[in-house]
Amino acid sequence: MKSFTVILSVLILLIGAVFSVSAAARTHYVRYGDTLWELSIHYYNTPFHWEDILNANPFLEGVEYLQPGSELILPDISGTTITQQAFDSGFSGVYITSGTSSRPILSRLILETAGMVTSDPPDAVSYIIELDVENEEEYSGLASYPGDLVAIDIGRDQGVMIDMVYKIYETGEEVRHPQTGITLGNVIRVAGVCRVIDTSISSSVVLIEHAFLPVITGDFLVPYTSSAPIPVAGSIVVEDIDAYIIAFKNPDLERAYSYDIVYIDRGTDDGLSPGDIFSMFKYGHEVVSPSGATVMTPDLPISELIIVETLQNTSAALITSVSTTDLVCIGDKIELIRKQL
């Protein structure tokens, strides 16, 4: 009897272990930078099961309530197979991570929403012509947000089909060079991502899946494409390439800090490519030593930026660190310190 009890206990433990492994394979611990959209892409090979993940986790009040360290249930979905490999926030490339956080600095979400400063914006395939089409006219707002339906000015005659995905762009303020005053173009910001849910001959209705800015009438659409990986290793030390901060991705900022996107006045014509590293310095000054000698203090790096997207004459850069209370401002000078091989 005793041996039977021991065997039964072992079987129970083994069964429990199996169920534990199974349960672990169907859960995900949230990391910094994770989104339900990216989780759905990774685990189900499509972004459109993000709502299923949301519904399977009642403690989540919405997509914006993901908390690093919390455990998400990944539901079984008919016709899909859950991918079991390690998750990397949907970005299959090399990451830079800060020394004090596990947050992936170069997540796909950051890369795909960097925006740009240009006088030659991406070619629009469509424009948003009406907001909140699901509501009566008197209840329609001046802007739309995730979950809202909006109308666009292309339809089946232009090849639009249900489930097509588009990136929404917004044309922002004109940018002038802080030193020369020359016009460099306008800030083109990524307002969000939308998916077609209904079409007619000449127009369509899209669901706003993500919104990084309020979506407004007149915003333009381009087909969604995934950002390419950015290598960040194997760089070499360089000198004598300076640049200036010309604008911020966030139009409400007066000063920028770590993880903010800024735009600079150098691009591919200057030999820049994604992954190049710039620093901002507190420059040295003359000091009289107690010995009576005049010495020059060293230049001190106070912030670091990595290029995430390049155009001909401008680039978008992510601030990866700031070690001073004097934050990054438009007009600040930065220097290229490391470049890709």
C-alpha atoms as a PDB file:
ATOM      1  CA  MET A   1       0.000   0.000   0.000  1.00  0.00           C
ATOM      2  CA  LYS A   2       2.823   2.322   0.907  1.00  0.00           C
ATOM      3  CA  SER A   3       4.582   1.652  -2.421  1.00  0.00           C
ATOM      4  CA  PHE A   4       1.315   2.334  -4.271  1.00  0.00           C
ATOM      5  CA  THR A   5       0.987   5.677  -2.440  1.00  0.00           C
ATOM      6  CA  VAL A   6       4.541   6.609  -3.409  1.00  0.00           C
ATOM      7  CA  ILE A   7       3.915   5.705  -7.060  1.00  0.00           C
ATOM      8  CA  LEU A   8       0.665   7.679  -7.067  1.00  0.00           C
ATOM      9  CA  SER A   9       2.432  10.702  -5.577  1.00  0.00           C
ATOM     10  CA  VAL A  10       5.152  10.509  -8.233  1.00  0.00           C
ATOM     11  CA  LEU A  11       2.510  10.307 -10.979  1.00  0.00           C
ATOM     12  CA  ILE A  12       0.712  13.321  -9.570  1.00  0.00           C
ATOM     13  CA  LEU A  13       3.994  15.271  -9.499  1.00  0.00           C
ATOM     14  CA  LEU A  14       4.786  14.267 -13.081  1.00  0.00           C
ATOM     15  CA  ILE A  15       1.319  15.213 -14.261  1.00  0.00           C
ATOM     16  CA  GLY A  16       1.623  18.514 -12.417  1.00  0.00           C
ATOM     17  CA  ALA A  17       4.977  19.135 -14.074  1.00  0.00           C
ATOM     18  CA  VAL A  18       3.484  18.490 -17.498  1.00  0.00           C
ATOM     19  CA  PHE A  19       0.646  20.902 -16.846  1.00  0.00           C
ATOM     20  CA  SER A  20       3.101  23.473 -15.482  1.00  0.00           C
ATOM     21  CA  VAL A  21       5.183  23.278 -18.637  1.00  0.00           C
ATOM     22  CA  SER A  22       2.046  23.513 -20.770  1.00  0.00           C
ATOM     23  CA  ALA A  23       0.794  26.494 -18.786  1.00  0.00           C
ATOM     24  CA  ALA A  24       4.194  28.203 -18.982  1.00  0.00           C
ATOM     25  CA  ALA A  25       4.236  27.682 -22.752  1.00  0.00           C
ATOM     26  CA  ARG A  26       0.903  29.495 -22.985  1.00  0.00           C
ATOM     27  CA  THR A  27       1.861  32.551 -20.973  1.00  0.00           C
ATOM     28  CA  HIS A  28       4.103  35.545 -21.516  1.00  0.00           C
ATOM     29  CA  TYR A  29       5.775  37.801 -18.987  1.00  0.00           C
ATOM     30  CA  VAL A  30       5.483  41.415 -20.119  1.00  0.00           C
ATOM     31  CA  ARG A  31       8.728  43.270 -20.830  1.00  0.00           C
ATOM     32  CA  TYR A  32       9.346  46.944 -21.348  1.00  0.00           C
ATOM     33  CA  GLY A  33       8.309  47.923 -24.870  1.00  0.00           C
ATOM     34  CA  ASP A  34       5.840  45.044 -25.374  1.00  0.00           C
ATOM     35  CA  THR A  35       2.527  45.698 -27.129  1.00  0.00           C
ATOM     36  CA  LEU A  36      -0.412  43.369 -27.767  1.00  0.00           C
ATOM     37  CA  TRP A  37       0.011  44.038 -31.493  1.00  0.00           C
ATOM     38  CA  GLU A  38       3.617  42.770 -31.366  1.00  0.00           C
ATOM     39  CA  LEU A  39       2.724  39.822 -29.114  1.00  0.00           C
ATOM     40  CA  SER A  40       0.079  38.743 -31.611  1.00  0.00           C
ATOM     41  CA  ILE A  41       2.565  38.966 -34.502  1.00  0.00           C
ATOM     42  CA  HIS A  42       5.103  36.902 -32.613  1.00  0.00           C
ATOM     43  CA  TYR A  43       2.905  34.175 -31.171  1.00  0.00           C
ATOM     44  CA  TYR A  44       0.216  33.879 -33.886  1.00  0.00           C
ATOM     45  CA  ASN A  45       2.047  35.245 -36.989  1.00  0.00           C
ATOM     46  CA  THR A  46      -0.596  37.932 -37.439  1.00  0.00           C
ATOM     47  CA  PRO A  47      -1.239  41.216 -35.597  1.00  0.00           C
ATOM     48  CA  PHE A  48      -4.998  40.725 -35.562  1.00  0.00           C
ATOM     49  CA  HIS A  49      -5.288  38.461 -32.491  1.00  0.00           C
ATOM     50  CA  TRP A  50      -4.304  41.284 -30.133  1.00  0.00           C
ATOM     51  CA  GLU A  51      -7.954  41.605 -29.064  1.00  0.00           C
ATOM     52  CA  ASP A  52      -8.077  37.876 -28.239  1.00  0.00           C
ATOM     53  CA  ILE A  53      -5.087  38.325 -25.919  1.00  0.00           C
ATOM     54  CA  LEU A  54      -6.754  41.376 -24.361  1.00  0.00           C
ATOM     55  CA  ASN A  55     -10.024  39.481 -23.804  1.00  0.00           C
ATOM     56  CA  ALA A  56      -8.164  36.507 -22.282  1.00  0.00           C
ATOM     57  CA  ASN A  57      -6.693  38.754 -19.585  1.00  0.00           C
ATOM     58  CA  PRO A  58      -9.591  40.474 -17.750  1.00  0.00           C
ATOM     59  CA  PHE A  59      -7.220  42.402 -15.475  1.00  0.00           C
ATOM     60  CA  LEU A  60      -6.175  44.480 -18.501  1.00  0.00           C
ATOM     61  CA  GLU A  61      -8.504  47.462 -18.826  1.00  0.00           C
ATOM     62  CA  GLY A  62      -7.017  48.336 -22.209  1.00  0.00           C
ATOM     63  CA  VAL A  63      -3.953  48.045 -24.447  1.00  0.00           C
ATOM     64  CA  GLU A  64      -2.247  50.896 -22.595  1.00  0.00           C
ATOM     65  CA  TYR A  65      -2.319  49.032 -19.255  1.00  0.00           C
ATOM     66  CA  LEU A  66       0.451  46.503 -19.956  1.00  0.00           C
ATOM     67  CA  GLN A  67       2.723  46.408 -16.913  1.00  0.00           C
ATOM     68  CA  PRO A  68       6.291  45.012 -17.144  1.00  0.00           C
ATOM     69  CA  GLY A  69       6.562  41.825 -15.103  1.00  0.00           C
ATOM     70  CA  SER A  70       2.879  40.907 -15.293  1.00  0.00           C
ATOM     71  CA  GLU A  71       1.888  37.518 -16.731  1.00  0.00           C
ATOM     72  CA  LEU A  72      -0.358  37.321 -19.799  1.00  0.00           C
ATOM     73  CA  ILE A  73      -2.420  34.297 -20.840  1.00  0.00           C
ATOM     74  CA  LEU A  74      -2.021  33.397 -24.526  1.00  0.00           C
ATOM     75  CA  PRO A  75      -5.361  31.874 -25.553  1.00  0.00           C
ATOM     76  CA  ASP A  76      -5.801  28.885 -27.835  1.00  0.00           C
ATOM     77  CA  ILE A  77      -7.143  30.194 -31.139  1.00  0.00           C
ATOM     78  CA  SER A  78      -8.622  27.812 -33.682  1.00  0.00           C
ATOM     79  CA  GLY A  79      -6.435  27.346 -36.746  1.00  0.00           C
ATOM     80  CA  THR A  80      -3.314  28.888 -35.230  1.00  0.00           C
ATOM     81  CA  THR A  81      -0.187  27.526 -33.591  1.00  0.00           C
ATOM     82  CA  ILE A  82       1.456  29.388 -30.754  1.00  0.00           C
ATOM     83  CA  THR A  83       5.115  30.080 -31.498  1.00  0.00           C
ATOM     84  CA  GLN A  84       7.255  28.901 -28.600  1.00  0.00           C
ATOM     85  CA  GLN A  85      10.632  30.561 -29.242  1.00  0.00           C
ATOM     86  CA  ALA A  86      11.924  33.328 -26.999  1.00  0.00           C
ATOM     87  CA  PHE A  87      10.131  36.617 -27.471  1.00  0.00           C
ATOM     88  CA  ASP A  88      12.021  39.784 -28.402  1.00  0.00           C
ATOM     89  CA  SER A  89       9.273  42.423 -28.606  1.00  0.00           C
ATOM     90  CA  GLY A  90       8.611  41.530 -32.262  1.00  0.00           C
ATOM     91  CA  PHE A  91      11.952  42.868 -33.495  1.00  0.00           C
ATOM     92  CA  SER A  92      14.238  40.263 -35.037  1.00  0.00           C
ATOM     93  CA  GLY A  93      17.492  42.139 -34.794  1.00  0.00           C
ATOM     94  CA  VAL A  94      20.129  43.315 -32.355  1.00  0.00           C
ATOM     95  CA  TYR A  95      19.098  45.416 -29.380  1.00  0.00           C
ATOM     96  CA  ILE A  96      20.814  48.051 -27.344  1.00  0.00           C
ATOM     97  CA  THR A  97      19.659  47.954 -23.737  1.00  0.00           C
ATOM     98  CA  SER A  98      20.431  50.472 -21.040  1.00  0.00           C
ATOM     99  CA  GLY A  99      22.538  49.417 -18.084  1.00  0.00           C
ATOM    100  CA  THR A 100      19.689  49.925 -15.645  1.00  0.00           C
ATOM    101  CA  SER A 101      16.679  48.556 -17.515  1.00  0.00           C
ATOM    102  CA  SER A 102      15.651  45.535 -19.540  1.00  0.00           C
ATOM    103  CA  ARG A 103      13.693  47.810 -21.854  1.00  0.00           C
ATOM    104  CA  PRO A 104      14.609  47.085 -25.498  1.00  0.00           C
ATOM    105  CA  ILE A 105      15.683  50.452 -26.870  1.00  0.00           C
ATOM    106  CA  LEU A 106      15.279  49.532 -30.535  1.00  0.00           C
ATOM    107  CA  SER A 107      11.932  47.757 -30.489  1.00  0.00           C
ATOM    108  CA  ARG A 108      10.014  47.595 -33.756  1.00  0.00           C
ATOM    109  CA  LEU A 109       7.436  49.962 -32.280  1.00  0.00           C
ATOM    110  CA  ILE A 110      10.084  52.675 -31.860  1.00  0.00           C
ATOM    111  CA  LEU A 111      11.543  52.076 -35.324  1.00  0.00           C
ATOM    112  CA  GLU A 112       8.189  52.168 -37.101  1.00  0.00           C
ATOM    113  CA  THR A 113       6.989  55.351 -35.392  1.00  0.00           C
ATOM    114  CA  ALA A 114      10.165  57.430 -35.638  1.00  0.00           C
ATOM    115  CA  GLY A 115       8.845  59.836 -38.278  1.00  0.00           C
ATOM    116  CA  MET A 116      11.025  62.266 -40.216  1.00  0.00           C
ATOM    117  CA  VAL A 117      11.805  65.831 -41.241  1.00  0.00           C
ATOM    118  CA  THR A 118      11.581  66.200 -45.021  1.00  0.00           C
ATOM    119  CA  SER A 119      10.413  68.339 -47.908  1.00  0.00           C
ATOM    120  CA  ASP A 120       9.584  65.132 -49.814  1.00  0.00           C
ATOM    121  CA  PRO A 121       7.173  63.095 -47.631  1.00  0.00           C
ATOM    122  CA  PRO A 122       6.098  59.497 -48.423  1.00  0.00           C
ATOM    123  CA  ASP A 123       3.652  59.191 -51.303  1.00  0.00           C
ATOM    124  CA  ALA A 124       0.101  59.171 -49.961  1.00  0.00           C
ATOM    125  CA  VAL A 125      -2.201  56.455 -51.305  1.00  0.00           C
ATOM    126  CA  SER A 126      -5.214  57.785 -49.399  1.00  0.00           C
ATOM    127  CA  TYR A 127      -6.479  60.470 -47.034  1.00  0.00           C
ATOM    128  CA  ILE A 128      -8.775  60.331 -44.027  1.00  0.00           C
ATOM    129  CA  ILE A 129     -12.011  62.053 -45.016  1.00  0.00           C
ATOM    130  CA  GLU A 130     -14.317  61.440 -42.046  1.00  0.00           C
ATOM    131  CA  LEU A 131     -13.885  60.625 -38.349  1.00  0.00           C
ATOM    132  CA  ASP A 132     -15.940  58.459 -35.993  1.00  0.00           C
ATOM    133  CA  VAL A 133     -18.165  57.090 -38.757  1.00  0.00           C
ATOM    134  CA  GLU A 134     -19.765  54.702 -36.258  1.00  0.00           C
ATOM    135  CA  ASN A 135     -21.307  57.666 -34.381  1.00  0.00           C
ATOM    136  CA  GLU A 136     -24.045  60.100 -35.248  1.00  0.00           C
ATOM    137  CA  GLU A 137     -22.702  63.347 -36.707  1.00  0.00           C
ATOM    138  CA  GLU A 138     -23.393  65.369 -33.558  1.00  0.00           C
ATOM    139  CA  TYR A 139     -21.289  62.926 -31.526  1.00  0.00           C
ATOM    140  CA  SER A 140     -18.308  62.872 -33.873  1.00  0.00           C
ATOM    141  CA  GLY A 141     -15.160  64.385 -32.428  1.00  0.00           C
ATOM    142  CA  LEU A 142     -12.325  66.485 -33.797  1.00  0.00           C
ATOM    143  CA  ALA A 143      -9.935  63.542 -33.520  1.00  0.00           C
ATOM    144  CA  SER A 144     -10.065  59.742 -33.436  1.00  0.00           C
ATOM    145  CA  TYR A 145      -8.257  57.224 -31.242  1.00  0.00           C
ATOM    146  CA  PRO A 146      -7.661  53.436 -31.021  1.00  0.00           C
ATOM    147  CA  GLY A 147     -10.906  51.556 -31.566  1.00  0.00           C
ATOM    148  CA  ASP A 148     -12.537  54.343 -33.592  1.00  0.00           C
ATOM    149  CA  LEU A 149     -13.687  53.918 -37.198  1.00  0.00           C
ATOM    150  CA  VAL A 150     -12.738  56.450 -39.870  1.00  0.00           C
ATOM    151  CA  ALA A 151     -13.403  56.739 -43.600  1.00  0.00           C
ATOM    152  CA  ILE A 152     -10.728  56.973 -46.307  1.00  0.00           C
ATOM    153  CA  ASP A 153     -11.015  58.081 -49.928  1.00  0.00           C
ATOM    154  CA  ILE A 154     -10.065  54.851 -51.747  1.00  0.00           C
ATOM    155  CA  GLY A 155     -12.052  51.665 -52.251  1.00  0.00           C
ATOM    156  CA  ARG A 156     -12.396  48.524 -54.330  1.00  0.00           C
ATOM    157  CA  ASP A 157     -11.740  50.396 -57.589  1.00  0.00           C
ATOM    158  CA  GLN A 158      -8.279  51.227 -56.204  1.00  0.00           C
ATOM    159  CA  GLY A 159      -7.604  47.638 -55.135  1.00  0.00           C
ATOM    160  CA  VAL A 160      -8.488  48.029 -51.464  1.00  0.00           C
ATOM    161  CA  MET A 161      -9.412  44.784 -49.703  1.00  0.00           C
ATOM    162  CA  ILE A 162     -10.563  43.945 -46.188  1.00  0.00           C
ATOM    163  CA  ASP A 163      -7.712  43.461 -43.662  1.00  0.00           C
ATOM    164  CA  MET A 164      -5.248  45.610 -45.596  1.00  0.00           C
ATOM    165  CA  VAL A 165      -3.092  47.567 -43.119  1.00  0.00           C
ATOM    166  CA  TYR A 166      -1.922  51.156 -43.496  1.00  0.00           C
ATOM    167  CA  LYS A 167       0.313  53.518 -41.572  1.00  0.00           C
ATOM    168  CA  ILE A 168      -1.210  56.931 -40.839  1.00  0.00           C
ATOM    169  CA  TYR A 169       0.987  60.007 -41.223  1.00  0.00           C
ATOM    170  CA  GLU A 170       0.418  63.582 -40.081  1.00  0.00           C
ATOM    171  CA  THR A 171       2.137  66.648 -41.542  1.00  0.00           C
ATOM    172  CA  GLY A 172       3.495  68.854 -38.771  1.00  0.00           C
ATOM    173  CA  GLU A 173       5.297  72.145 -38.424  1.00  0.00           C
ATOM    174  CA  GLU A 174       7.872  73.593 -40.806  1.00  0.00           C
ATOM    175  CA  VAL A 175      11.455  73.168 -39.617  1.00  0.00           C
ATOM    176  CA  ARG A 176      14.260  75.682 -40.111  1.00  0.00           C
ATOM    177  CA  HIS A 177      17.915  75.010 -39.400  1.00  0.00           C
ATOM    178  CA  PRO A 178      18.787  76.467 -35.969  1.00  0.00           C
ATOM    179  CA  GLN A 179      22.071  77.920 -37.259  1.00  0.00           C
ATOM    180  CA  THR A 180      21.406  78.952 -40.876  1.00  0.00           C
ATOM    181  CA  GLY A 181      17.637  79.507 -40.878  1.00  0.00           C
ATOM    182  CA  ILE A 182      17.308  77.450 -44.076  1.00  0.00           C
ATOM    183  CA  THR A 183      13.994  75.578 -44.412  1.00  0.00           C
ATOM    184  CA  LEU A 184      14.562  71.819 -44.124  1.00  0.00           C
ATOM    185  CA  GLY A 185      10.967  70.681 -44.639  1.00  0.00           C
ATOM    186  CA  ASN A 186       8.166  69.651 -42.311  1.00  0.00           C
ATOM    187  CA  VAL A 187       7.979  67.147 -39.469  1.00  0.00           C
ATOM    188  CA  ILE A 188       6.115  64.083 -40.755  1.00  0.00           C
ATOM    189  CA  ARG A 189       4.853  62.176 -37.718  1.00  0.00           C
ATOM    190  CA  VAL A 190       3.385  58.654 -37.539  1.00  0.00           C
ATOM    191  CA  ALA A 191      -0.113  59.126 -36.135  1.00  0.00           C
ATOM    192  CA  GLY A 192      -1.112  55.458 -36.048  1.00  0.00           C
ATOM    193  CA  VAL A 193      -1.839  52.159 -37.771  1.00  0.00           C
ATOM    194  CA  CYS A 194      -5.219  51.164 -39.198  1.00  0.00           C
ATOM    195  CA  ARG A 195      -6.885  48.136 -40.801  1.00  0.00           C
ATOM    196  CA  VAL A 196      -9.599  48.024 -43.477  1.00  0.00           C
ATOM    197  CA  ILE A 197     -12.836  46.476 -42.213  1.00  0.00           C
ATOM    198  CA  ASP A 198     -15.279  47.485 -44.993  1.00  0.00           C
ATOM    199  CA  THR A 199     -15.033  48.773 -48.558  1.00  0.00           C
ATOM    200  CA  SER A 200     -17.215  50.352 -51.237  1.00  0.00           C
ATOM    201  CA  ILE A 201     -16.374  51.246 -54.828  1.00  0.00           C
ATOM    202  CA  SER A 202     -14.606  54.523 -54.009  1.00  0.00           C
ATOM    203  CA  SER A 203     -14.133  54.614 -50.225  1.00  0.00           C
ATOM    204  CA  SER A 204     -13.429  52.378 -47.238  1.00  0.00           C
ATOM    205  CA  VAL A 205     -13.843  52.225 -43.484  1.00  0.00           C
ATOM    206  CA  VAL A 206     -10.763  51.502 -41.391  1.00  0.00           C
ATOM    207  CA  LEU A 207     -10.361  50.598 -37.734  1.00  0.00           C
ATOM    208  CA  ILE A 208      -7.624  52.482 -35.894  1.00  0.00           C
ATOM    209  CA  GLU A 209      -5.582  49.681 -34.298  1.00  0.00           C
ATOM    210  CA  HIS A 210      -2.914  51.927 -32.773  1.00  0.00           C
ATOM    211  CA  ALA A 211      -2.726  55.692 -32.411  1.00  0.00           C
ATOM    212  CA  PHE A 212       0.403  57.497 -31.282  1.00  0.00           C
ATOM    213  CA  LEU A 213      -1.153  60.920 -31.949  1.00  0.00           C
ATOM    214  CA  PRO A 214      -4.793  62.006 -32.295  1.00  0.00           C
ATOM    215  CA  VAL A 215      -5.891  61.012 -35.826  1.00  0.00           C
ATOM    216  CA  ILE A 216      -7.503  63.891 -37.711  1.00  0.00           C
ATOM    217  CA  THR A 217      -9.178  64.540 -41.057  1.00  0.00           C
ATOM    218  CA  GLY A 218      -6.533  65.130 -43.728  1.00  0.00           C
ATOM    219  CA  ASP A 219      -3.985  62.678 -42.315  1.00  0.00           C
ATOM    220  CA  PHE A 220      -2.576  60.550 -45.126  1.00  0.00           C
ATOM    221  CA  LEU A 221      -2.042  56.802 -45.468  1.00  0.00           C
ATOM    222  CA  VAL A 222       0.744  54.654 -46.894  1.00  0.00           C
ATOM    223  CA  PRO A 223       0.831  50.828 -47.011  1.00  0.00           C
ATOM    224  CA  TYR A 224       2.209  49.314 -43.807  1.00  0.00           C
ATOM    225  CA  THR A 225       5.655  47.728 -44.028  1.00  0.00           C
ATOM    226  CA  SER A 226       7.718  46.251 -41.235  1.00  0.00           C
ATOM    227  CA  SER A 227      10.948  48.025 -40.295  1.00  0.00           C
ATOM    228  CA  ALA A 228      14.227  46.314 -41.089  1.00  0.00           C
ATOM    229  CA  PRO A 229      16.581  45.304 -38.272  1.00  0.00           C
ATOM    230  CA  ILE A 230      19.281  47.794 -37.251  1.00  0.00           C
ATOM    231  CA  PRO A 231      22.722  46.367 -36.427  1.00  0.00           C
ATOM    232  CA  VAL A 232      24.317  48.155 -33.497  1.00  0.00           C
ATOM    233  CA  ALA A 233      27.559  46.211 -33.043  1.00  0.00           C
ATOM    234  CA  GLY A 234      30.943  46.408 -34.766  1.00  0.00           C
ATOM    235  CA  SER A 235      31.140  50.195 -34.891  1.00  0.00           C
ATOM    236  CA  ILE A 236      34.367  52.148 -35.296  1.00  0.00           C
ATOM    237  CA  VAL A 237      35.409  55.405 -33.659  1.00  0.00           C
ATOM    238  CA  VAL A 238      35.088  58.477 -35.866  1.00  0.00           C
ATOM    239  CA  GLU A 239      35.613  62.203 -35.554  1.00  0.00           C
ATOM    240  CA  ASP A 240      34.769  65.540 -37.172  1.00  0.00           C
ATOM    241  CA  ILE A 241      31.114  64.976 -38.107  1.00  0.00           C
ATOM    242  CA  ASP A 242      28.868  67.399 -36.233  1.00  0.00           C
ATOM    243  CA  ALA A 243      25.097  67.756 -36.363  1.00  0.00           C
ATOM    244  CA  TYR A 244      22.347  69.842 -34.779  1.00  0.00           C
ATOM    245  CA  ILE A 245      19.031  68.888 -33.210  1.00  0.00           C
ATOM    246  CA  ILE A 246      16.367  70.444 -35.442  1.00  0.00           C
ATOM    247  CA  ALA A 247      13.010  69.129 -34.107  1.00  0.00           C
ATOM    248  CA  PHE A 248      11.307  66.649 -31.758  1.00  0.00           C
ATOM    249  CA  LYS A 249       8.952  63.793 -32.578  1.00  0.00           C
ATOM    250  CA  ASN A 250       6.713  64.887 -29.702  1.00  0.00           C
ATOM    251  CA  PRO A 251       5.330  68.320 -30.682  1.00  0.00           C
ATOM    252  CA  ASP A 252       4.565  69.175 -27.031  1.00  0.00           C
ATOM    253  CA  LEU A 253       8.155  68.847 -25.776  1.00  0.00           C
ATOM    254  CA  GLU A 254      10.402  71.813 -25.061  1.00  0.00           C
ATOM    255  CA  ARG A 255      13.271  69.547 -23.973  1.00  0.00           C
ATOM    256  CA  ALA A 256      13.916  65.887 -24.703  1.00  0.00           C
ATOM    257  CA  TYR A 257      15.097  63.045 -22.485  1.00  0.00           C
ATOM    258  CA  SER A 258      15.988  59.346 -22.675  1.00  0.00           C
ATOM    259  CA  TYR A 259      13.838  57.302 -25.122  1.00  0.00           C
ATOM    260  CA  ASP A 260      12.609  60.436 -26.937  1.00  0.00           C
ATOM    261  CA  ILE A 261      12.991  60.664 -30.728  1.00  0.00           C
ATOM    262  CA  VAL A 262      14.671  63.778 -32.141  1.00  0.00           C
ATOM    263  CA  TYR A 263      15.543  64.852 -35.672  1.00  0.00           C
ATOM    264  CA  ILE A 264      18.975  66.038 -36.810  1.00  0.00           C
ATOM    265  CA  ASP A 265      20.343  67.883 -39.856  1.00  0.00           C
ATOM    266  CA  ARG A 266      22.527  65.084 -41.246  1.00  0.00           C
ATOM    267  CA  GLY A 267      21.555  62.140 -43.429  1.00  0.00           C
ATOM    268  CA  THR A 268      22.724  59.681 -46.074  1.00  0.00           C
ATOM    269  CA  ASP A 269      24.490  62.444 -48.022  1.00  0.00           C
ATOM    270  CA  ASP A 270      26.753  62.780 -44.972  1.00  0.00           C
ATOM    271  CA  GLY A 271      27.399  59.038 -44.840  1.00  0.00           C
ATOM    272  CA  LEU A 272      25.045  58.295 -41.947  1.00  0.00           C
ATOM    273  CA  SER A 273      23.210  55.007 -41.555  1.00  0.00           C
ATOM    274  CA  PRO A 274      20.939  53.478 -38.897  1.00  0.00           C
ATOM    275  CA  GLY A 275      22.985  52.326 -35.913  1.00  0.00           C
ATOM    276  CA  ASP A 276      25.470  55.208 -35.962  1.00  0.00           C
ATOM    277  CA  ILE A 277      26.047  56.759 -32.538  1.00  0.00           C
ATOM    278  CA  PHE A 278      26.227  60.461 -31.636  1.00  0.00           C
ATOM    279  CA  SER A 279      27.108  62.098 -28.330  1.00  0.00           C
ATOM    280  CA  MET A 280      26.421  65.518 -26.879  1.00  0.00           C
ATOM    281  CA  PHE A 281      29.288  66.979 -24.868  1.00  0.00           C
ATOM    282  CA  LYS A 282      29.782  69.469 -22.090  1.00  0.00           C
ATOM    283  CA  TYR A 283      32.884  71.062 -23.505  1.00  0.00           C
ATOM    284  CA  GLY A 284      35.965  71.716 -21.401  1.00  0.00           C
ATOM    285  CA  HIS A 285      37.035  75.140 -20.199  1.00  0.00           C
ATOM    286  CA  GLU A 286      40.125  76.781 -18.756  1.00  0.00           C
ATOM    287  CA  VAL A 287      40.770  76.410 -15.032  1.00  0.00           C
ATOM    288  CA  VAL A 288      43.630  77.836 -12.981  1.00  0.00           C
ATOM    289  CA  SER A 289      45.269  75.073 -10.928  1.00  0.00           C
ATOM    290  CA  PRO A 290      46.400  75.729  -7.313  1.00  0.00           C
ATOM    291  CA  SER A 291      49.893  75.387  -8.762  1.00  0.00           C
ATOM    292  CA  GLY A 292      49.236  78.471 -10.832  1.00  0.00           C
ATOM    293  CA  ALA A 293      49.109  76.640 -14.143  1.00  0.00           C
ATOM    294  CA  THR A 294      46.194  77.128 -16.540  1.00  0.00           C
ATOM    295  CA  VAL A 295      44.682  73.790 -17.622  1.00  0.00           C
ATOM    296  CA  MET A 296      41.827  72.800 -19.902  1.00  0.00           C
ATOM    297  CA  THR A 297      39.191  70.468 -18.431  1.00  0.00           C
ATOM    298  CA  PRO A 298      38.208  67.467 -20.619  1.00  0.00           C
ATOM    299  CA  ASP A 299      35.108  67.336 -22.806  1.00  0.00           C
ATOM    300  CA  LEU A 300      32.435  65.348 -20.944  1.00  0.00           C
ATOM    301  CA  PRO A 301      29.806  63.276 -22.838  1.00  0.00           C
ATOM    302  CA  ILE A 302      26.417  64.037 -21.295  1.00  0.00           C
ATOM    303  CA  SER A 303      24.007  62.252 -23.640  1.00  0.00           C
ATOM    304  CA  GLU A 304      24.048  59.618 -26.365  1.00  0.00           C
ATOM    305  CA  LEU A 305      21.842  59.125 -29.425  1.00  0.00           C
ATOM    306  CA  ILE A 306      21.500  56.327 -31.980  1.00  0.00           C
ATOM    307  CA  ILE A 307      20.349  56.896 -35.564  1.00  0.00           C
ATOM    308  CA  VAL A 308      17.180  54.885 -36.285  1.00  0.00           C
ATOM    309  CA  GLU A 309      16.126  56.241 -39.700  1.00  0.00           C
ATOM    310  CA  THR A 310      17.905  58.246 -42.380  1.00  0.00           C
ATOM    311  CA  LEU A 311      16.834  60.411 -45.301  1.00  0.00           C
ATOM    312  CA  GLN A 312      19.042  62.306 -47.723  1.00  0.00           C
ATOM    313  CA  ASN A 313      19.632  65.359 -45.512  1.00  0.00           C
ATOM    314  CA  THR A 314      18.039  64.514 -42.154  1.00  0.00           C
ATOM    315  CA  SER A 315      17.772  61.618 -39.721  1.00  0.00           C
ATOM    316  CA  ALA A 316      15.691  60.457 -36.769  1.00  0.00           C
ATOM    317  CA  ALA A 317      17.640  59.558 -33.638  1.00  0.00           C
ATOM    318  CA  LEU A 318      16.684  57.944 -30.336  1.00  0.00           C
ATOM    319  CA  ILE A 319      18.170  59.429 -27.168  1.00  0.00           C
ATOM    320  CA  THR A 320      19.537  56.411 -25.287  1.00  0.00           C
ATOM    321  CA  SER A 321      20.943  58.194 -22.246  1.00  0.00           C
ATOM    322  CA  VAL A 322      21.101  61.603 -20.580  1.00  0.00           C
ATOM    323  CA  SER A 323      23.417  62.148 -17.611  1.00  0.00           C
ATOM    324  CA  THR A 324      22.711  65.796 -16.856  1.00  0.00           C
ATOM    325  CA  THR A 325      19.846  67.983 -15.677  1.00  0.00           C
ATOM    326  CA  ASP A 326      20.428  70.133 -18.767  1.00  0.00           C
ATOM    327  CA  LEU A 327      18.192  68.190 -21.161  1.00  0.00           C
ATOM    328  CA  VAL A 328      18.391  68.033 -24.956  1.00  0.00           C
ATOM    329  CA  CYS A 329      17.077  71.144 -26.721  1.00  0.00           C
ATOM    330  CA  ILE A 330      16.461  72.111 -30.348  1.00  0.00           C
ATOM    331  CA  GLY A 331      19.649  73.739 -31.595  1.00  0.00           C
ATOM    332  CA  ASP A 332      21.993  71.591 -29.497  1.00  0.00           C
ATOM    333  CA  LYS A 333      25.163  70.380 -31.209  1.00  0.00           C
ATOM    334  CA  ILE A 334      26.061  66.668 -31.260  1.00  0.00           C
ATOM    335  CA  GLU A 335      29.097  64.765 -32.576  1.00  0.00           C
ATOM    336  CA  LEU A 336      29.340  61.394 -34.337  1.00  0.00           C
ATOM    337  CA  ILE A 337      31.442  59.092 -32.147  1.00  0.00           C
ATOM    338  CA  ARG A 338      30.861  55.572 -33.531  1.00  0.00           C
ATOM    339  CA  LYS A 339      29.932  54.389 -36.990  1.00  0.00           C
ATOM    340  CA  GLN A 340      28.964  51.022 -38.462  1.00  0.00           C
ATOM    341  CA  LEU A 341      31.712  49.040 -40.163  1.00  0.00           C
END
